[in-house]
Amino acid sequence: MKERTLRTIRPRIQMVFQDPYASLNPRMTVAEALEEPLIAHGRGNA
């Protein structure tokens, strides 16, 4: 699939990484980290 089409599939296949610290942005709060994918995929209002 082209990346543009894959973008509609990616929300349905997610990943949990080995290193929980390296996979989190140290400059983001928990709320910001959890909200980030929702914003990126246009899910809901604030």
All heavy atoms as atom14 arrays in JSON, in Angstrom:
{
  "sequence": "MKERTLRTIRPRIQMVFQDPYASLNPRMTVAEALEEPLIAHGRGNA",
  "atom14_mask": [
    [1, 1, 1, 1, 1, 1, 1, 1, 0, 0, 0, 0, 0, 0],
    [1, 1, 1, 1, 1, 1, 1, 1, 1, 0, 0, 0, 0, 0],
    [1, 1, 1, 1, 1, 1, 1, 1, 1, 0, 0, 0, 0, 0],
    [1, 1, 1, 1, 1, 1, 1, 1, 1, 1, 1, 0, 0, 0],
    [1, 1, 1, 1, 1, 1, 1, 0, 0, 0, 0, 0, 0, 0],
    [1, 1, 1, 1, 1, 1, 1, 1, 0, 0, 0, 0, 0, 0],
    [1, 1, 1, 1, 1, 1, 1, 1, 1, 1, 1, 0, 0, 0],
    [1, 1, 1, 1, 1, 1, 1, 0, 0, 0, 0, 0, 0, 0],
    [1, 1, 1, 1, 1, 1, 1, 1, 0, 0, 0, 0, 0, 0],
    [1, 1, 1, 1, 1, 1, 1, 1, 1, 1, 1, 0, 0, 0],
    [1, 1, 1, 1, 1, 1, 1, 0, 0, 0, 0, 0, 0, 0],
    [1, 1, 1, 1, 1, 1, 1, 1, 1, 1, 1, 0, 0, 0],
    [1, 1, 1, 1, 1, 1, 1, 1, 0, 0, 0, 0, 0, 0],
    [1, 1, 1, 1, 1, 1, 1, 1, 1, 0, 0, 0, 0, 0],
    [1, 1, 1, 1, 1, 1, 1, 1, 0, 0, 0, 0, 0, 0],
    [1, 1, 1, 1, 1, 1, 1, 0, 0, 0, 0, 0, 0, 0],
    [1, 1, 1, 1, 1, 1, 1, 1, 1, 1, 1, 0, 0, 0],
    [1, 1, 1, 1, 1, 1, 1, 1, 1, 0, 0, 0, 0, 0],
    [1, 1, 1, 1, 1, 1, 1, 1, 0, 0, 0, 0, 0, 0],
    [1, 1, 1, 1, 1, 1, 1, 0, 0, 0, 0, 0, 0, 0],
    [1, 1, 1, 1, 1, 1, 1, 1, 1, 1, 1, 1, 0, 0],
    [1, 1, 1, 1, 1, 0, 0, 0, 0, 0, 0, 0, 0, 0],
    [1, 1, 1, 1, 1, 1, 0, 0, 0, 0, 0, 0, 0, 0],
    [1, 1, 1, 1, 1, 1, 1, 1, 0, 0, 0, 0, 0, 0],
    [1, 1, 1, 1, 1, 1, 1, 1, 0, 0, 0, 0, 0, 0],
    [1, 1, 1, 1, 1, 1, 1, 0, 0, 0, 0, 0, 0, 0],
    [1, 1, 1, 1, 1, 1, 1, 1, 1, 1, 1, 0, 0, 0],
    [1, 1, 1, 1, 1, 1, 1, 1, 0, 0, 0, 0, 0, 0],
    [1, 1, 1, 1, 1, 1, 1, 0, 0, 0, 0, 0, 0, 0],
    [1, 1, 1, 1, 1, 1, 1, 0, 0, 0, 0, 0, 0, 0],
    [1, 1, 1, 1, 1, 0, 0, 0, 0, 0, 0, 0, 0, 0],
    [1, 1, 1, 1, 1, 1, 1, 1, 1, 0, 0, 0, 0, 0],
    [1, 1, 1, 1, 1, 0, 0, 0, 0, 0, 0, 0, 0, 0],
    [1, 1, 1, 1, 1, 1, 1, 1, 0, 0, 0, 0, 0, 0],
    [1, 1, 1, 1, 1, 1, 1, 1, 1, 0, 0, 0, 0, 0],
    [1, 1, 1, 1, 1, 1, 1, 1, 1, 0, 0, 0, 0, 0],
    [1, 1, 1, 1, 1, 1, 1, 0, 0, 0, 0, 0, 0, 0],
    [1, 1, 1, 1, 1, 1, 1, 1, 0, 0, 0, 0, 0, 0],
    [1, 1, 1, 1, 1, 1, 1, 1, 0, 0, 0, 0, 0, 0],
    [1, 1, 1, 1, 1, 0, 0, 0, 0, 0, 0, 0, 0, 0],
    [1, 1, 1, 1, 1, 1, 1, 1, 1, 1, 0, 0, 0, 0],
    [1, 1, 1, 1, 0, 0, 0, 0, 0, 0, 0, 0, 0, 0],
    [1, 1, 1, 1, 1, 1, 1, 1, 1, 1, 1, 0, 0, 0],
    [1, 1, 1, 1, 0, 0, 0, 0, 0, 0, 0, 0, 0, 0],
    [1, 1, 1, 1, 1, 1, 1, 1, 0, 0, 0, 0, 0, 0],
    [1, 1, 1, 1, 1, 0, 0, 0, 0, 0, 0, 0, 0, 0]
  ],
  "atom14_positions": [
    [[0.82, -1.21, 0.0], [0.0, 0.0, 0.0], [0.85, 1.26, 0.0], [1.91, 1.31, 0.62], [-0.9, 0.04, 1.24], [-2.19, -0.72, 1.09], [-3.26, -0.45, 2.55], [-4.69, -1.41, 2.07], [0.0, 0.0, 0.0], [0.0, 0.0, 0.0], [0.0, 0.0, 0.0], [0.0, 0.0, 0.0], [0.0, 0.0, 0.0], [0.0, 0.0, 0.0]],
    [[0.38, 2.28, -0.68], [1.0, 3.6, -0.61], [0.78, 4.18, 0.78], [-0.21, 3.87, 1.45], [0.4, 4.53, -1.66], [0.51, 4.03, -3.09], [1.91, 4.18, -3.61], [1.97, 3.85, -5.1], [3.34, 3.9, -5.62], [0.0, 0.0, 0.0], [0.0, 0.0, 0.0], [0.0, 0.0, 0.0], [0.0, 0.0, 0.0], [0.0, 0.0, 0.0]],
    [[1.69, 5.03, 1.22], [1.61, 5.6, 2.56], [0.3, 6.33, 2.79], [-0.27, 6.28, 3.88], [2.79, 6.54, 2.8], [2.83, 7.15, 4.2], [2.86, 6.12, 5.31], [3.55, 5.09, 5.15], [2.19, 6.32, 6.34], [0.0, 0.0, 0.0], [0.0, 0.0, 0.0], [0.0, 0.0, 0.0], [0.0, 0.0, 0.0], [0.0, 0.0, 0.0]],
    [[-0.2, 6.99, 1.76], [-1.46, 7.73, 1.91], [-2.62, 6.8, 2.25], [-3.46, 7.12, 3.08], [-1.76, 8.48, 0.6], [-2.91, 9.45, 0.7], [-2.99, 10.3, -0.56], [-4.02, 11.3, -0.47], [-4.27, 12.2, -1.41], [-3.55, 12.2, -2.52], [-5.23, 13.09, -1.26], [0.0, 0.0, 0.0], [0.0, 0.0, 0.0], [0.0, 0.0, 0.0]],
    [[-2.66, 5.63, 1.63], [-3.7, 4.64, 1.93], [-3.44, 3.97, 3.27], [-4.37, 3.69, 4.03], [-3.76, 3.57, 0.81], [-3.84, 4.21, -0.45], [-4.96, 2.66, 1.0], [0.0, 0.0, 0.0], [0.0, 0.0, 0.0], [0.0, 0.0, 0.0], [0.0, 0.0, 0.0], [0.0, 0.0, 0.0], [0.0, 0.0, 0.0], [0.0, 0.0, 0.0]],
    [[-2.16, 3.72, 3.55], [-1.79, 3.09, 4.82], [-2.23, 3.93, 6.02], [-2.51, 3.39, 7.09], [-0.28, 2.88, 4.9], [0.28, 1.52, 4.51], [1.78, 1.54, 4.57], [-0.31, 0.4, 5.34], [0.0, 0.0, 0.0], [0.0, 0.0, 0.0], [0.0, 0.0, 0.0], [0.0, 0.0, 0.0], [0.0, 0.0, 0.0], [0.0, 0.0, 0.0]],
    [[-2.3, 5.23, 5.85], [-2.68, 6.12, 6.94], [-4.06, 5.77, 7.49], [-4.32, 5.94, 8.68], [-2.65, 7.58, 6.47], [-2.95, 8.59, 7.57], [-2.79, 10.01, 7.07], [-3.32, 10.96, 8.04], [-2.67, 11.38, 9.11], [-1.46, 10.94, 9.37], [-3.22, 12.26, 9.94], [0.0, 0.0, 0.0], [0.0, 0.0, 0.0], [0.0, 0.0, 0.0]],
    [[-4.93, 5.24, 6.65], [-6.26, 4.84, 7.11], [-6.23, 3.51, 7.86], [-7.13, 3.2, 8.63], [-7.24, 4.72, 5.92], [-6.81, 3.65, 5.06], [-7.29, 6.02, 5.14], [0.0, 0.0, 0.0], [0.0, 0.0, 0.0], [0.0, 0.0, 0.0], [0.0, 0.0, 0.0], [0.0, 0.0, 0.0], [0.0, 0.0, 0.0], [0.0, 0.0, 0.0]],
    [[-5.16, 2.72, 7.65], [-5.01, 1.41, 8.3], [-4.25, 1.53, 9.61], [-4.53, 0.81, 10.57], [-4.27, 0.43, 7.36], [-5.0, 0.29, 6.03], [-4.06, -0.93, 8.04], [-6.34, -0.37, 6.13], [0.0, 0.0, 0.0], [0.0, 0.0, 0.0], [0.0, 0.0, 0.0], [0.0, 0.0, 0.0], [0.0, 0.0, 0.0], [0.0, 0.0, 0.0]],
    [[-3.28, 2.42, 9.68], [-2.37, 2.49, 10.82], [-3.07, 2.6, 12.18], [-2.57, 2.0, 13.15], [-1.38, 3.65, 10.64], [-0.37, 3.41, 9.53], [0.84, 4.3, 9.65], [1.75, 4.15, 8.52], [2.59, 3.15, 8.36], [2.64, 2.18, 9.26], [3.39, 3.1, 7.31], [0.0, 0.0, 0.0], [0.0, 0.0, 0.0], [0.0, 0.0, 0.0]],
    [[-4.17, 3.35, 12.33], [-4.81, 3.38, 13.65], [-5.24, 2.0, 14.16], [-5.31, 1.79, 15.37], [-6.03, 4.28, 13.41], [-5.66, 5.14, 12.27], [-4.82, 4.28, 11.38], [0.0, 0.0, 0.0], [0.0, 0.0, 0.0], [0.0, 0.0, 0.0], [0.0, 0.0, 0.0], [0.0, 0.0, 0.0], [0.0, 0.0, 0.0], [0.0, 0.0, 0.0]],
    [[-5.45, 1.06, 13.25], [-5.95, -0.27, 13.64], [-4.84, -1.24, 13.98], [-5.1, -2.34, 14.48], [-6.84, -0.84, 12.53], [-8.17, -0.11, 12.43], [-9.02, -0.66, 11.34], [-8.68, -0.09, 10.04], [-9.17, -0.53, 8.88], [-9.99, -1.56, 8.85], [-8.82, 0.04, 7.74], [0.0, 0.0, 0.0], [0.0, 0.0, 0.0], [0.0, 0.0, 0.0]],
    [[-3.58, -0.87, 13.68], [-2.42, -1.7, 14.05], [-1.44, -0.81, 14.79], [-0.84, 0.08, 14.19], [-1.74, -2.33, 12.82], [-2.74, -3.01, 11.91], [-0.67, -3.32, 13.28], [-2.12, -3.57, 10.63], [0.0, 0.0, 0.0], [0.0, 0.0, 0.0], [0.0, 0.0, 0.0], [0.0, 0.0, 0.0], [0.0, 0.0, 0.0], [0.0, 0.0, 0.0]],
    [[-1.28, -1.03, 16.07], [-0.43, -0.19, 16.9], [0.69, -1.02, 17.53], [0.73, -2.24, 17.39], [-1.26, 0.51, 17.98], [-2.24, 1.53, 17.4], [-1.55, 2.75, 16.85], [-0.83, 3.47, 17.55], [-1.74, 3.01, 15.56], [0.0, 0.0, 0.0], [0.0, 0.0, 0.0], [0.0, 0.0, 0.0], [0.0, 0.0, 0.0], [0.0, 0.0, 0.0]],
    [[1.58, -0.34, 18.26], [2.76, -1.01, 18.81], [3.05, -0.57, 20.23], [2.87, 0.6, 20.57], [3.98, -0.71, 17.92], [5.23, -1.48, 18.31], [6.54, -1.28, 17.08], [7.72, -2.52, 17.65], [0.0, 0.0, 0.0], [0.0, 0.0, 0.0], [0.0, 0.0, 0.0], [0.0, 0.0, 0.0], [0.0, 0.0, 0.0], [0.0, 0.0, 0.0]],
    [[3.49, -1.51, 21.05], [4.05, -1.23, 22.37], [5.53, -1.59, 22.29], [5.88, -2.71, 21.94], [3.35, -2.04, 23.47], [4.05, -1.82, 24.82], [1.88, -1.65, 23.58], [0.0, 0.0, 0.0], [0.0, 0.0, 0.0], [0.0, 0.0, 0.0], [0.0, 0.0, 0.0], [0.0, 0.0, 0.0], [0.0, 0.0, 0.0], [0.0, 0.0, 0.0]],
    [[6.37, -0.63, 22.64], [7.81, -0.78, 22.44], [8.49, -1.41, 23.67], [7.94, -1.45, 24.76], [8.45, 0.58, 22.17], [7.97, 1.23, 20.9], [6.85, 2.04, 20.9], [8.62, 1.0, 19.69], [6.4, 2.64, 19.72], [8.18, 1.59, 18.51], [7.07, 2.42, 18.53], [0.0, 0.0, 0.0], [0.0, 0.0, 0.0], [0.0, 0.0, 0.0]],
    [[9.72, -1.86, 23.43], [10.5, -2.5, 24.5], [10.89, -1.51, 25.58], [10.75, -1.79, 26.77], [11.76, -3.13, 23.9], [12.68, -3.75, 24.94], [13.89, -4.42, 24.3], [14.04, -4.45, 23.08], [14.76, -4.96, 25.13], [0.0, 0.0, 0.0], [0.0, 0.0, 0.0], [0.0, 0.0, 0.0], [0.0, 0.0, 0.0], [0.0, 0.0, 0.0]],
    [[11.38, -0.35, 25.19], [11.87, 0.64, 26.15], [10.81, 1.72, 26.35], [10.63, 2.59, 25.49], [13.16, 1.27, 25.64], [13.81, 2.2, 26.67], [13.11, 2.65, 27.59], [15.01, 2.49, 26.53], [0.0, 0.0, 0.0], [0.0, 0.0, 0.0], [0.0, 0.0, 0.0], [0.0, 0.0, 0.0], [0.0, 0.0, 0.0], [0.0, 0.0, 0.0]],
    [[10.09, 1.69, 27.47], [9.0, 2.64, 27.66], [9.45, 4.09, 27.8], [8.69, 5.01, 27.51], [8.32, 2.16, 28.95], [9.38, 1.4, 29.68], [10.23, 0.77, 28.61], [0.0, 0.0, 0.0], [0.0, 0.0, 0.0], [0.0, 0.0, 0.0], [0.0, 0.0, 0.0], [0.0, 0.0, 0.0], [0.0, 0.0, 0.0], [0.0, 0.0, 0.0]],
    [[10.7, 4.3, 28.22], [11.18, 5.68, 28.36], [11.57, 6.26, 27.01], [11.19, 7.38, 26.66], [12.36, 5.75, 29.32], [12.77, 7.17, 29.65], [11.95, 7.98, 30.44], [13.94, 7.72, 29.16], [12.29, 9.29, 30.74], [14.3, 9.03, 29.44], [13.47, 9.81, 30.24], [13.82, 11.11, 30.51], [0.0, 0.0, 0.0], [0.0, 0.0, 0.0]],
    [[12.3, 5.47, 26.21], [12.73, 5.94, 24.9], [11.56, 6.18, 23.96], [11.66, 6.99, 23.03], [13.71, 4.95, 24.28], [0.0, 0.0, 0.0], [0.0, 0.0, 0.0], [0.0, 0.0, 0.0], [0.0, 0.0, 0.0], [0.0, 0.0, 0.0], [0.0, 0.0, 0.0], [0.0, 0.0, 0.0], [0.0, 0.0, 0.0], [0.0, 0.0, 0.0]],
    [[10.45, 5.49, 24.18], [9.3, 5.63, 23.28], [8.41, 6.82, 23.63], [7.46, 7.12, 22.91], [8.46, 4.34, 23.3], [7.86, 4.15, 24.58], [0.0, 0.0, 0.0], [0.0, 0.0, 0.0], [0.0, 0.0, 0.0], [0.0, 0.0, 0.0], [0.0, 0.0, 0.0], [0.0, 0.0, 0.0], [0.0, 0.0, 0.0], [0.0, 0.0, 0.0]],
    [[8.71, 7.5, 24.75], [7.92, 8.66, 25.16], [8.72, 9.94, 24.97], [9.93, 9.96, 25.23], [7.51, 8.52, 26.63], [6.57, 7.35, 26.97], [6.43, 7.21, 28.47], [5.21, 7.53, 26.32], [0.0, 0.0, 0.0], [0.0, 0.0, 0.0], [0.0, 0.0, 0.0], [0.0, 0.0, 0.0], [0.0, 0.0, 0.0], [0.0, 0.0, 0.0]],
    [[8.05, 10.99, 24.54], [8.69, 12.29, 24.4], [8.88, 12.9, 25.78], [7.9, 13.15, 26.49], [7.82, 13.21, 23.54], [8.5, 14.52, 23.2], [9.34, 15.03, 23.96], [8.14, 15.11, 22.08], [0.0, 0.0, 0.0], [0.0, 0.0, 0.0], [0.0, 0.0, 0.0], [0.0, 0.0, 0.0], [0.0, 0.0, 0.0], [0.0, 0.0, 0.0]],
    [[10.13, 13.13, 26.21], [10.36, 13.63, 27.58], [9.79, 15.02, 27.82], [9.63, 15.43, 28.96], [11.89, 13.64, 27.69], [12.39, 13.71, 26.3], [11.4, 12.95, 25.48], [0.0, 0.0, 0.0], [0.0, 0.0, 0.0], [0.0, 0.0, 0.0], [0.0, 0.0, 0.0], [0.0, 0.0, 0.0], [0.0, 0.0, 0.0], [0.0, 0.0, 0.0]],
    [[9.46, 15.74, 26.74], [8.92, 17.1, 26.88], [7.4, 17.14, 26.88], [6.79, 18.21, 26.96], [9.45, 17.99, 25.74], [10.96, 18.2, 25.78], [11.42, 19.11, 24.65], [12.84, 19.37, 24.74], [13.79, 18.58, 24.24], [13.44, 17.45, 23.63], [15.07, 18.88, 24.36], [0.0, 0.0, 0.0], [0.0, 0.0, 0.0], [0.0, 0.0, 0.0]],
    [[6.78, 15.97, 26.79], [5.32, 15.9, 26.79], [4.81, 15.32, 28.1], [5.36, 14.34, 28.61], [4.81, 15.01, 25.65], [4.78, 15.67, 24.3], [3.95, 14.58, 23.1], [3.86, 15.68, 21.69], [0.0, 0.0, 0.0], [0.0, 0.0, 0.0], [0.0, 0.0, 0.0], [0.0, 0.0, 0.0], [0.0, 0.0, 0.0], [0.0, 0.0, 0.0]],
    [[3.75, 15.89, 28.63], [3.08, 15.3, 29.78], [2.35, 14.04, 29.33], [2.2, 13.79, 28.12], [2.07, 16.28, 30.39], [1.02, 16.51, 29.43], [2.72, 17.59, 30.79], [0.0, 0.0, 0.0], [0.0, 0.0, 0.0], [0.0, 0.0, 0.0], [0.0, 0.0, 0.0], [0.0, 0.0, 0.0], [0.0, 0.0, 0.0], [0.0, 0.0, 0.0]],
    [[1.88, 13.28, 30.3], [1.1, 12.08, 29.97], [-0.1, 12.45, 29.11], [-0.37, 11.81, 28.09], [0.64, 11.37, 31.26], [-0.33, 10.23, 30.92], [1.82, 10.83, 32.03], [0.0, 0.0, 0.0], [0.0, 0.0, 0.0], [0.0, 0.0, 0.0], [0.0, 0.0, 0.0], [0.0, 0.0, 0.0], [0.0, 0.0, 0.0], [0.0, 0.0, 0.0]],
    [[-0.83, 13.47, 29.51], [-2.02, 13.89, 28.77], [-1.67, 14.26, 27.33], [-2.38, 13.89, 26.39], [-2.71, 15.05, 29.47], [0.0, 0.0, 0.0], [0.0, 0.0, 0.0], [0.0, 0.0, 0.0], [0.0, 0.0, 0.0], [0.0, 0.0, 0.0], [0.0, 0.0, 0.0], [0.0, 0.0, 0.0], [0.0, 0.0, 0.0], [0.0, 0.0, 0.0]],
    [[-0.57, 14.98, 27.16], [-0.16, 15.4, 25.81], [0.25, 14.19, 24.97], [-0.07, 14.11, 23.77], [0.98, 16.4, 25.91], [0.56, 17.76, 26.46], [1.74, 18.65, 26.81], [2.87, 18.13, 27.0], [1.53, 19.87, 26.9], [0.0, 0.0, 0.0], [0.0, 0.0, 0.0], [0.0, 0.0, 0.0], [0.0, 0.0, 0.0], [0.0, 0.0, 0.0]],
    [[0.95, 13.24, 25.58], [1.39, 12.04, 24.85], [0.2, 11.2, 24.4], [0.21, 10.65, 23.29], [2.31, 11.21, 25.74], [0.0, 0.0, 0.0], [0.0, 0.0, 0.0], [0.0, 0.0, 0.0], [0.0, 0.0, 0.0], [0.0, 0.0, 0.0], [0.0, 0.0, 0.0], [0.0, 0.0, 0.0], [0.0, 0.0, 0.0], [0.0, 0.0, 0.0]],
    [[-0.83, 11.11, 25.23], [-2.0, 10.32, 24.88], [-2.91, 11.04, 23.89], [-3.59, 10.41, 23.09], [-2.79, 9.96, 26.15], [-2.06, 9.1, 27.18], [-2.98, 8.75, 28.33], [-1.5, 7.83, 26.55], [0.0, 0.0, 0.0], [0.0, 0.0, 0.0], [0.0, 0.0, 0.0], [0.0, 0.0, 0.0], [0.0, 0.0, 0.0], [0.0, 0.0, 0.0]],
    [[-2.9, 12.36, 23.95], [-3.73, 13.14, 23.04], [-3.1, 13.26, 21.65], [-3.81, 13.43, 20.65], [-3.99, 14.53, 23.61], [-5.03, 15.33, 22.82], [-5.26, 16.72, 23.39], [-4.4, 17.2, 24.17], [-6.29, 17.32, 23.04], [0.0, 0.0, 0.0], [0.0, 0.0, 0.0], [0.0, 0.0, 0.0], [0.0, 0.0, 0.0], [0.0, 0.0, 0.0]],
    [[-1.79, 13.15, 21.58], [-1.08, 13.38, 20.31], [-1.62, 12.54, 19.15], [-1.91, 13.08, 18.08], [0.42, 13.14, 20.5], [1.24, 13.44, 19.26], [2.71, 13.13, 19.44], [3.03, 12.17, 20.19], [3.54, 13.82, 18.84], [0.0, 0.0, 0.0], [0.0, 0.0, 0.0], [0.0, 0.0, 0.0], [0.0, 0.0, 0.0], [0.0, 0.0, 0.0]],
    [[-1.77, 11.2, 19.3], [-2.29, 10.42, 18.17], [-3.73, 10.79, 17.81], [-4.12, 10.71, 16.64], [-2.19, 8.97, 18.65], [-2.08, 9.04, 20.13], [-1.39, 10.32, 20.43], [0.0, 0.0, 0.0], [0.0, 0.0, 0.0], [0.0, 0.0, 0.0], [0.0, 0.0, 0.0], [0.0, 0.0, 0.0], [0.0, 0.0, 0.0], [0.0, 0.0, 0.0]],
    [[-4.52, 11.21, 18.8], [-5.9, 11.63, 18.53], [-5.91, 12.89, 17.66], [-6.7, 12.99, 16.71], [-6.64, 11.89, 19.85], [-6.72, 10.71, 20.81], [-7.33, 11.16, 22.14], [-7.55, 9.58, 20.21], [0.0, 0.0, 0.0], [0.0, 0.0, 0.0], [0.0, 0.0, 0.0], [0.0, 0.0, 0.0], [0.0, 0.0, 0.0], [0.0, 0.0, 0.0]],
    [[-5.03, 13.82, 17.96], [-4.92, 15.05, 17.17], [-4.42, 14.73, 15.77], [-4.96, 15.22, 14.76], [-3.99, 16.07, 17.86], [-4.61, 16.55, 19.18], [-3.71, 17.26, 16.94], [-3.68, 17.42, 20.01], [0.0, 0.0, 0.0], [0.0, 0.0, 0.0], [0.0, 0.0, 0.0], [0.0, 0.0, 0.0], [0.0, 0.0, 0.0], [0.0, 0.0, 0.0]],
    [[-3.4, 13.87, 15.68], [-2.79, 13.55, 14.39], [-3.79, 12.91, 13.43], [-3.7, 13.09, 12.22], [-1.6, 12.62, 14.6], [0.0, 0.0, 0.0], [0.0, 0.0, 0.0], [0.0, 0.0, 0.0], [0.0, 0.0, 0.0], [0.0, 0.0, 0.0], [0.0, 0.0, 0.0], [0.0, 0.0, 0.0], [0.0, 0.0, 0.0], [0.0, 0.0, 0.0]],
    [[-4.75, 12.17, 13.98], [-5.74, 11.48, 13.14], [-7.11, 12.16, 13.18], [-8.1, 11.58, 12.75], [-5.85, 10.02, 13.57], [-4.66, 9.2, 13.16], [-4.56, 8.54, 11.95], [-3.47, 8.97, 13.81], [-3.39, 7.93, 11.87], [-2.72, 8.16, 12.98], [0.0, 0.0, 0.0], [0.0, 0.0, 0.0], [0.0, 0.0, 0.0], [0.0, 0.0, 0.0]],
    [[-7.15, 13.38, 13.71], [-8.39, 14.16, 13.67], [-9.53, 13.58, 14.47], [-10.69, 13.69, 14.06], [0.0, 0.0, 0.0], [0.0, 0.0, 0.0], [0.0, 0.0, 0.0], [0.0, 0.0, 0.0], [0.0, 0.0, 0.0], [0.0, 0.0, 0.0], [0.0, 0.0, 0.0], [0.0, 0.0, 0.0], [0.0, 0.0, 0.0], [0.0, 0.0, 0.0]],
    [[-9.21, 13.01, 15.62], [-10.24, 12.38, 16.44], [-10.79, 13.36, 17.49], [-10.09, 13.73, 18.43], [-9.68, 11.15, 17.16], [-9.17, 10.05, 16.25], [-10.31, 9.33, 15.55], [-9.82, 8.26, 14.7], [-9.64, 7.01, 15.1], [-9.87, 6.66, 16.35], [-9.21, 6.1, 14.25], [0.0, 0.0, 0.0], [0.0, 0.0, 0.0], [0.0, 0.0, 0.0]],
    [[-12.03, 13.8, 17.34], [-12.74, 14.55, 18.36], [-12.26, 15.98, 18.55], [-11.24, 16.4, 18.01], [0.0, 0.0, 0.0], [0.0, 0.0, 0.0], [0.0, 0.0, 0.0], [0.0, 0.0, 0.0], [0.0, 0.0, 0.0], [0.0, 0.0, 0.0], [0.0, 0.0, 0.0], [0.0, 0.0, 0.0], [0.0, 0.0, 0.0], [0.0, 0.0, 0.0]],
    [[-13.03, 16.71, 19.35], [-12.63, 18.06, 19.75], [-11.87, 17.98, 21.07], [-11.66, 16.9, 21.62], [-13.85, 18.99, 19.85], [-14.9, 18.46, 20.82], [-14.57, 17.86, 21.85], [-16.18, 18.68, 20.52], [0.0, 0.0, 0.0], [0.0, 0.0, 0.0], [0.0, 0.0, 0.0], [0.0, 0.0, 0.0], [0.0, 0.0, 0.0], [0.0, 0.0, 0.0]],
    [[-11.47, 19.13, 21.6], [-10.64, 19.15, 22.8], [-11.32, 18.47, 23.98], [-10.68, 17.72, 24.74], [-10.28, 20.59, 23.16], [0.0, 0.0, 0.0], [0.0, 0.0, 0.0], [0.0, 0.0, 0.0], [0.0, 0.0, 0.0], [0.0, 0.0, 0.0], [0.0, 0.0, 0.0], [0.0, 0.0, 0.0], [0.0, 0.0, 0.0], [0.0, 0.0, 0.0]]
  ]
}
